[in-house]
Protein backbone atom coordinates (compact mmCIF):
# COMPACT_ATOMS: atom_id res chain seq x y z
CA MET A 1 -42.05 -6.19 26.76
CA PRO A 2 -38.57 -7.26 27.71
CA SER A 3 -35.99 -4.85 26.35
CA ILE A 4 -35.10 -5.24 22.69
CA PHE A 5 -31.72 -6.62 23.76
CA THR A 6 -33.28 -9.50 25.68
CA HIS A 7 -35.28 -10.62 22.67
CA ALA A 8 -31.91 -11.60 21.16
CA ALA A 9 -31.25 -13.99 24.07
CA VAL A 10 -33.06 -17.01 22.62
CA PRO A 11 -31.35 -16.98 19.19
CA LEU A 12 -27.99 -16.42 20.88
CA ALA A 13 -28.61 -19.27 23.33
CA LEU A 14 -29.59 -21.64 20.52
CA TRP A 15 -26.46 -20.68 18.60
CA CYS A 16 -24.24 -21.17 21.67
CA ALA A 17 -25.84 -24.53 22.44
CA SER A 18 -25.39 -25.86 18.92
CA GLU A 19 -22.31 -27.51 17.49
CA ARG A 20 -19.90 -25.02 15.98
CA GLY A 21 -20.88 -24.15 12.42
CA ARG A 22 -24.31 -25.77 12.70
CA ILE A 23 -26.03 -22.37 12.70
CA SER A 24 -24.40 -20.01 10.24
CA THR A 25 -23.71 -16.41 11.18
CA ARG A 26 -26.26 -15.32 8.57
CA LEU A 27 -28.94 -17.56 10.06
CA LEU A 28 -28.07 -16.33 13.56
CA VAL A 29 -28.42 -12.69 12.50
CA THR A 30 -31.72 -13.50 10.79
CA GLY A 31 -32.92 -15.22 13.97
CA VAL A 32 -31.99 -12.19 16.07
CA VAL A 33 -33.87 -9.92 13.66
CA ALA A 34 -36.87 -12.28 13.71
CA ALA A 35 -36.83 -12.23 17.51
CA MET A 36 -36.80 -8.42 17.60
CA LEU A 37 -39.01 -7.67 14.59
CA PRO A 38 -42.41 -8.00 16.32
CA ASP A 39 -41.67 -4.80 18.23
CA ALA A 40 -41.60 -2.85 14.97
CA ASP A 41 -45.31 -2.56 15.73
CA VAL A 42 -44.49 0.35 18.05
CA LEU A 43 -44.66 2.40 14.85
CA ALA A 44 -48.41 2.01 15.23
CA PHE A 45 -48.26 4.56 18.05
CA ALA A 46 -46.94 7.18 15.60
CA LEU A 47 -49.76 6.27 13.21
CA HIS A 48 -52.32 6.68 16.02
CA VAL A 49 -53.32 3.01 15.90
CA PRO A 50 -54.73 2.17 19.36
CA TYR A 51 -52.63 -0.17 21.49
CA ALA A 52 -55.51 -2.68 21.78
CA ASP A 53 -56.12 -2.75 18.00
CA ALA A 54 -55.22 -5.95 16.13
CA PHE A 55 -52.40 -3.99 14.47
CA GLY A 56 -51.42 -2.12 17.64
CA HIS A 57 -48.52 -2.97 19.91
CA ARG A 58 -48.38 -6.68 20.79
CA GLY A 59 -51.06 -7.41 18.21
CA ALA A 60 -50.72 -9.26 14.89
CA SER A 61 -46.93 -9.10 14.85
CA HIS A 62 -46.91 -11.08 18.11
CA SER A 63 -48.90 -14.00 16.69
CA LEU A 64 -48.17 -17.56 15.63
CA LEU A 65 -49.19 -16.52 12.13
CA PHE A 66 -46.52 -13.81 12.03
CA ALA A 67 -43.85 -16.27 13.23
CA THR A 68 -45.02 -18.75 10.59
CA LEU A 69 -44.84 -16.12 7.83
CA LEU A 70 -41.29 -15.20 8.86
CA ALA A 71 -40.38 -18.90 8.83
CA ALA A 72 -41.85 -19.28 5.34
CA LEU A 73 -39.85 -16.27 4.19
CA ALA A 74 -36.70 -17.84 5.65
CA THR A 75 -37.23 -20.96 3.54
CA ALA A 76 -37.14 -18.80 0.42
CA PHE A 77 -33.71 -17.50 1.48
CA ALA A 78 -32.37 -20.73 2.98
CA SER A 79 -29.39 -21.00 0.64
CA THR A 80 -28.44 -17.36 1.32
CA LEU A 81 -28.71 -18.12 5.05
CA ARG A 82 -26.44 -21.14 4.53
CA ALA A 83 -29.05 -23.48 5.94
CA SER A 84 -31.42 -26.16 4.76
CA ARG A 85 -35.00 -25.03 4.21
CA LEU A 86 -36.12 -26.96 7.29
CA GLN A 87 -33.35 -25.54 9.47
CA ALA A 88 -34.03 -21.97 8.30
CA ALA A 89 -37.77 -22.31 8.87
CA ALA A 90 -37.44 -23.98 12.28
CA PHE A 91 -34.80 -21.59 13.60
CA VAL A 92 -36.59 -18.43 12.44
CA PHE A 93 -39.96 -19.71 13.68
CA ILE A 94 -38.57 -20.48 17.16
CA CYS A 95 -36.77 -17.12 17.31
CA ALA A 96 -39.84 -15.16 16.18
CA LEU A 97 -42.14 -17.08 18.52
CA SER A 98 -39.82 -16.47 21.46
CA HIS A 99 -40.73 -12.77 21.27
CA PRO A 100 -44.44 -13.01 22.17
CA LEU A 101 -43.73 -15.80 24.65
CA LEU A 102 -41.25 -13.59 26.51
CA ASP A 103 -43.67 -10.66 26.31
CA ALA A 104 -46.39 -12.84 27.83
CA LEU A 105 -44.13 -13.30 30.85
CA THR A 106 -43.95 -9.56 31.57
CA SER A 107 -45.66 -7.65 34.33
CA GLY A 108 -47.43 -5.07 32.18
CA GLY A 109 -49.07 -4.15 28.91
CA LEU A 110 -52.17 -5.65 27.39
CA GLY A 111 -50.91 -9.16 26.70
CA VAL A 112 -50.06 -10.68 23.32
CA ALA A 113 -52.38 -11.59 20.45
CA LEU A 114 -50.77 -15.01 20.03
CA TRP A 115 -53.77 -16.56 18.25
CA TRP A 116 -54.52 -13.62 15.91
CA PRO A 117 -56.35 -13.68 13.40
CA TRP A 118 -58.35 -16.61 14.79
CA ASN A 119 -58.83 -14.94 18.15
CA ASP A 120 -58.23 -11.29 19.10
CA GLN A 121 -57.87 -12.03 22.82
CA ARG A 122 -54.62 -10.79 24.35
CA LEU A 123 -52.90 -13.36 26.54
CA PHE A 124 -50.48 -13.32 29.45
CA ALA A 125 -48.68 -16.29 30.96
CA PRO A 126 -50.07 -17.35 34.34
CA TRP A 127 -46.68 -16.44 35.86
CA ARG A 128 -45.21 -13.03 34.93
CA PRO A 129 -41.82 -12.52 36.59
CA ILE A 130 -40.21 -10.20 33.99
CA ARG A 131 -40.60 -6.49 34.61
CA VAL A 132 -42.08 -4.74 31.61
CA SER A 133 -39.54 -2.49 29.89
CA PRO A 134 -40.10 1.24 29.67
CA PHE A 135 -40.08 2.69 26.17
CA ALA A 136 -36.87 4.11 24.70
CA ASN A 137 -36.89 7.58 26.25
CA ASN A 138 -37.33 6.15 29.78
CA PHE A 139 -35.10 3.10 29.37
CA PHE A 140 -32.09 4.75 31.01
CA SER A 141 -33.80 5.29 34.35
CA ALA A 142 -34.21 3.50 37.66
CA ARG A 143 -37.13 1.57 36.16
CA GLY A 144 -35.00 0.64 33.16
CA LEU A 145 -32.30 -0.69 35.48
CA GLN A 146 -34.89 -2.76 37.37
CA THR A 147 -36.02 -4.18 34.02
CA VAL A 148 -32.48 -5.14 33.02
CA LEU A 149 -31.90 -6.84 36.38
CA SER A 150 -35.21 -8.70 36.01
CA GLU A 151 -34.24 -9.84 32.51
CA LEU A 152 -30.83 -11.00 33.69
CA ARG A 153 -32.48 -13.03 36.44
CA TRP A 154 -35.39 -14.53 34.51
CA VAL A 155 -34.07 -14.80 30.93
CA TRP A 156 -30.31 -14.50 30.50
CA LEU A 157 -29.22 -16.48 33.57
CA PRO A 158 -31.57 -19.45 32.97
CA LEU A 159 -30.54 -19.56 29.30
CA LEU A 160 -26.86 -19.43 30.28
CA VAL A 161 -27.34 -22.31 32.72
CA ALA A 162 -29.24 -24.28 30.04
CA VAL A 163 -26.52 -23.68 27.44
CA ILE A 164 -23.73 -24.68 29.84
CA GLY A 165 -25.67 -27.78 30.84
CA TRP A 166 -26.38 -28.75 27.24
CA ARG A 167 -22.77 -28.17 26.15
CA SER A 168 -21.59 -30.28 29.10
CA ILE A 169 -23.88 -33.12 28.02
CA GLN A 170 -22.61 -32.80 24.44
CA HIS A 171 -19.01 -32.88 25.64
CA ARG A 172 -19.56 -35.96 27.82
CA THR A 173 -21.42 -37.75 25.03
CA SER A 174 -18.62 -36.94 22.60
CA GLU A 175 -16.00 -38.24 25.04
CA ALA A 176 -18.00 -41.44 25.64
CA ARG A 177 -18.16 -42.10 21.89
CA GLN A 178 -14.40 -41.63 21.53
CA THR A 179 -13.49 -43.96 24.43
CA PRO A 180 -13.04 -47.54 23.18
């Protein structure tokens, strides 16, 4: 998995790319939680659930179904999130789905159960440039530093470039509309 911090990159990038006030702070925080929540499945290790089990690490909580359930839950709280039901569902779905998609780009683990419960097969992306993150007790190590550098290169930097590019396009479009 990428580090827990990098799972926040997609919601933060979407927020930065959007018009000010379009994504409320509450919705942003919910998106960050939704992007990080799939890794709560590491509790399965403490419960002696095998890694490869459907409810093990990178199992059911890394599926399209899980992202869809979180999106449905967001619609129930849309007014609290200061968003329309559609906006809350779409934002939370994208944020939650970004987690297994980033995990599928990592160099280790067993893959992600993206299609669970319809298919138990664990998947990886054909290209896996992101170094897999060591667990918490080994994060502050040479391997942890290599992971952070990998995440900066393959996640944070491309998202930063995309946000700057998108904001530049928005700015130019806005200027063009204002010029008579």
